[in-house]
């Protein structure tokens, strides 16, 4: 990135709400794509394949992401 940890952290926080929010955003997008390409997959399978510990965690991250997009 050609910048220090502090600057990278500030950019991640400003642009994405932090590193973990960024990663969870990527996971949510992957889960949506997985669900489209695997129409018979269970919600647990979708959550597991996208790196979430449960379907509830996926739902929570998805809800948070949608709220952040609206704001």
N, C-alpha and C. Protein backbone atom coordinates (compact mmCIF):
# COMPACT_ATOMS: atom_id res chain seq x y z
N UNK A 1 0.81 -1.20 0.00
CA UNK A 1 0.00 0.00 0.00
C UNK A 1 0.84 1.26 0.00
N UNK A 2 2.09 1.11 0.30
CA UNK A 2 3.01 2.24 0.33
C UNK A 2 2.58 3.29 1.35
N UNK A 3 2.08 2.80 2.51
CA UNK A 3 1.76 3.70 3.62
C UNK A 3 1.90 2.91 4.91
N UNK A 4 1.92 3.61 6.01
CA UNK A 4 2.07 2.96 7.30
C UNK A 4 0.78 2.34 7.82
N UNK A 5 0.91 1.57 8.90
CA UNK A 5 -0.25 0.91 9.50
C UNK A 5 -1.31 1.91 9.95
N UNK A 6 -0.88 3.00 10.51
CA UNK A 6 -1.82 3.99 11.02
C UNK A 6 -2.65 4.59 9.89
N UNK A 7 -1.99 4.95 8.81
CA UNK A 7 -2.71 5.52 7.66
C UNK A 7 -3.65 4.49 7.04
N UNK A 8 -3.18 3.26 6.90
CA UNK A 8 -4.04 2.21 6.34
C UNK A 8 -5.26 1.99 7.22
N UNK A 9 -5.06 2.00 8.53
CA UNK A 9 -6.17 1.83 9.46
C UNK A 9 -7.17 2.98 9.36
N UNK A 10 -6.68 4.20 9.26
CA UNK A 10 -7.56 5.36 9.13
C UNK A 10 -8.38 5.30 7.84
N UNK A 11 -7.75 4.89 6.75
CA UNK A 11 -8.46 4.77 5.47
C UNK A 11 -9.53 3.69 5.55
N UNK A 12 -9.18 2.54 6.12
CA UNK A 12 -10.15 1.44 6.26
C UNK A 12 -11.34 1.88 7.12
N UNK A 13 -11.05 2.59 8.19
CA UNK A 13 -12.13 3.06 9.07
C UNK A 13 -13.00 4.09 8.37
N UNK A 14 -12.38 5.01 7.68
CA UNK A 14 -13.14 6.07 7.00
C UNK A 14 -13.98 5.52 5.85
N UNK A 15 -13.39 4.67 5.05
CA UNK A 15 -14.06 4.18 3.84
C UNK A 15 -15.03 3.02 4.10
N UNK A 16 -14.69 2.15 5.05
CA UNK A 16 -15.45 0.92 5.22
C UNK A 16 -15.97 0.69 6.64
N UNK A 17 -15.68 1.59 7.56
CA UNK A 17 -16.09 1.38 8.94
C UNK A 17 -15.17 0.44 9.69
N UNK A 18 -14.03 0.14 9.12
CA UNK A 18 -13.04 -0.73 9.75
C UNK A 18 -12.75 -1.97 8.92
N UNK A 19 -11.66 -2.63 9.28
CA UNK A 19 -11.21 -3.80 8.54
C UNK A 19 -12.23 -4.93 8.59
N UNK A 20 -12.77 -5.21 9.77
CA UNK A 20 -13.71 -6.33 9.91
C UNK A 20 -15.00 -6.06 9.16
N UNK A 21 -15.45 -4.83 9.12
CA UNK A 21 -16.64 -4.50 8.32
C UNK A 21 -16.36 -4.73 6.83
N UNK A 22 -15.16 -4.40 6.40
CA UNK A 22 -14.78 -4.62 5.01
C UNK A 22 -14.80 -6.12 4.68
N UNK A 23 -14.17 -6.90 5.55
CA UNK A 23 -14.13 -8.35 5.32
C UNK A 23 -15.54 -8.94 5.35
N UNK A 24 -16.36 -8.53 6.30
CA UNK A 24 -17.73 -9.04 6.36
C UNK A 24 -18.53 -8.62 5.14
N UNK A 25 -18.26 -7.44 4.62
CA UNK A 25 -18.92 -7.02 3.38
C UNK A 25 -18.59 -7.94 2.23
N UNK A 26 -17.31 -8.31 2.13
CA UNK A 26 -16.90 -9.25 1.09
C UNK A 26 -17.58 -10.61 1.29
N UNK A 27 -17.68 -11.04 2.54
CA UNK A 27 -18.32 -12.32 2.84
C UNK A 27 -19.81 -12.30 2.48
N UNK A 28 -20.47 -11.19 2.76
CA UNK A 28 -21.90 -11.08 2.44
C UNK A 28 -22.10 -11.15 0.93
N UNK A 29 -21.27 -10.44 0.18
CA UNK A 29 -21.37 -10.47 -1.28
C UNK A 29 -21.13 -11.89 -1.78
N UNK A 30 -20.13 -12.56 -1.22
CA UNK A 30 -19.86 -13.94 -1.62
C UNK A 30 -21.06 -14.83 -1.30
N UNK A 31 -21.66 -14.64 -0.13
CA UNK A 31 -22.82 -15.45 0.26
C UNK A 31 -23.98 -15.25 -0.71
N UNK A 32 -24.20 -14.02 -1.13
CA UNK A 32 -25.28 -13.74 -2.09
C UNK A 32 -25.00 -14.44 -3.42
N UNK A 33 -23.75 -14.38 -3.88
CA UNK A 33 -23.37 -15.05 -5.13
C UNK A 33 -23.49 -16.56 -5.00
N UNK A 34 -23.07 -17.08 -3.85
CA UNK A 34 -23.14 -18.52 -3.61
C UNK A 34 -24.60 -18.98 -3.64
N UNK A 35 -25.47 -18.22 -3.01
CA UNK A 35 -26.89 -18.57 -2.98
C UNK A 35 -27.49 -18.59 -4.39
N UNK A 36 -27.05 -17.67 -5.24
CA UNK A 36 -27.55 -17.64 -6.62
C UNK A 36 -27.06 -18.83 -7.43
N UNK A 37 -25.81 -19.20 -7.23
CA UNK A 37 -25.25 -20.30 -8.02
C UNK A 37 -25.55 -21.68 -7.44
N UNK A 38 -26.02 -21.71 -6.19
CA UNK A 38 -26.39 -22.97 -5.53
C UNK A 38 -27.81 -22.81 -4.96
N UNK A 39 -28.80 -22.83 -5.82
CA UNK A 39 -30.17 -22.51 -5.38
C UNK A 39 -30.75 -23.47 -4.34
N UNK A 40 -30.21 -24.66 -4.20
CA UNK A 40 -30.73 -25.62 -3.23
C UNK A 40 -29.91 -25.66 -1.94
N UNK A 41 -28.94 -24.78 -1.82
CA UNK A 41 -28.11 -24.73 -0.62
C UNK A 41 -28.93 -24.23 0.57
N UNK A 42 -28.67 -24.80 1.73
CA UNK A 42 -29.34 -24.34 2.95
C UNK A 42 -28.69 -23.04 3.41
N UNK A 43 -29.38 -22.32 4.27
CA UNK A 43 -28.82 -21.07 4.80
C UNK A 43 -27.57 -21.35 5.62
N UNK A 44 -27.56 -22.48 6.32
CA UNK A 44 -26.36 -22.85 7.08
C UNK A 44 -25.17 -23.11 6.15
N UNK A 45 -25.42 -23.79 5.03
CA UNK A 45 -24.36 -24.07 4.06
C UNK A 45 -23.84 -22.77 3.45
N UNK A 46 -24.74 -21.86 3.14
CA UNK A 46 -24.34 -20.57 2.56
C UNK A 46 -23.47 -19.80 3.56
N UNK A 47 -23.91 -19.76 4.81
CA UNK A 47 -23.14 -19.06 5.84
C UNK A 47 -21.77 -19.69 6.02
N UNK A 48 -21.73 -21.01 6.10
CA UNK A 48 -20.47 -21.71 6.30
C UNK A 48 -19.51 -21.50 5.12
N UNK A 49 -20.04 -21.56 3.91
CA UNK A 49 -19.18 -21.41 2.72
C UNK A 49 -18.61 -20.01 2.60
N UNK A 50 -19.27 -19.03 3.21
CA UNK A 50 -18.81 -17.65 3.10
C UNK A 50 -18.03 -17.19 4.33
N UNK A 51 -17.75 -18.12 5.25
CA UNK A 51 -16.88 -17.79 6.37
C UNK A 51 -17.58 -17.33 7.63
N UNK A 52 -18.90 -17.42 7.68
CA UNK A 52 -19.62 -17.03 8.89
C UNK A 52 -19.83 -18.26 9.77
N UNK A 53 -19.90 -18.03 11.07
CA UNK A 53 -20.04 -19.14 12.00
C UNK A 53 -21.46 -19.69 12.05
N UNK A 54 -22.43 -18.90 11.62
CA UNK A 54 -23.82 -19.35 11.62
C UNK A 54 -24.64 -18.50 10.66
N UNK A 55 -25.85 -18.97 10.37
CA UNK A 55 -26.72 -18.18 9.49
C UNK A 55 -27.17 -16.90 10.18
N UNK A 56 -27.24 -16.92 11.53
CA UNK A 56 -27.61 -15.71 12.27
C UNK A 56 -26.53 -14.64 12.14
N UNK A 57 -25.27 -15.06 12.18
CA UNK A 57 -24.17 -14.13 12.02
C UNK A 57 -24.17 -13.53 10.62
N UNK A 58 -24.45 -14.35 9.63
CA UNK A 58 -24.57 -13.86 8.25
C UNK A 58 -25.71 -12.85 8.14
N UNK A 59 -26.86 -13.17 8.71
CA UNK A 59 -28.01 -12.26 8.65
C UNK A 59 -27.69 -10.93 9.33
N UNK A 60 -27.01 -10.99 10.46
CA UNK A 60 -26.64 -9.78 11.18
C UNK A 60 -25.67 -8.92 10.37
N UNK A 61 -24.67 -9.55 9.77
CA UNK A 61 -23.70 -8.81 8.96
C UNK A 61 -24.37 -8.22 7.73
N UNK A 62 -25.28 -8.97 7.13
CA UNK A 62 -26.00 -8.47 5.95
C UNK A 62 -26.85 -7.27 6.31
N UNK A 63 -27.53 -7.35 7.43
CA UNK A 63 -28.37 -6.23 7.89
C UNK A 63 -27.51 -4.99 8.17
N UNK A 64 -26.39 -5.18 8.83
CA UNK A 64 -25.50 -4.07 9.15
C UNK A 64 -24.95 -3.43 7.89
N UNK A 65 -24.58 -4.26 6.91
CA UNK A 65 -24.05 -3.75 5.65
C UNK A 65 -25.10 -2.92 4.92
N UNK A 66 -26.34 -3.40 4.88
CA UNK A 66 -27.41 -2.67 4.21
C UNK A 66 -27.71 -1.34 4.92
N UNK A 67 -27.62 -1.33 6.25
CA UNK A 67 -27.82 -0.08 7.00
C UNK A 67 -26.72 0.91 6.68
N UNK A 68 -25.49 0.43 6.58
CA UNK A 68 -24.35 1.32 6.28
C UNK A 68 -24.46 1.88 4.88
N UNK A 69 -24.99 1.11 3.93
CA UNK A 69 -25.15 1.58 2.57
C UNK A 69 -26.21 2.69 2.51
N UNK A 70 -27.27 2.52 3.30
CA UNK A 70 -28.35 3.51 3.31
C UNK A 70 -27.92 4.83 3.94
N UNK A 71 -26.97 4.77 4.85
CA UNK A 71 -26.51 6.00 5.55
C UNK A 71 -25.45 6.62 4.78
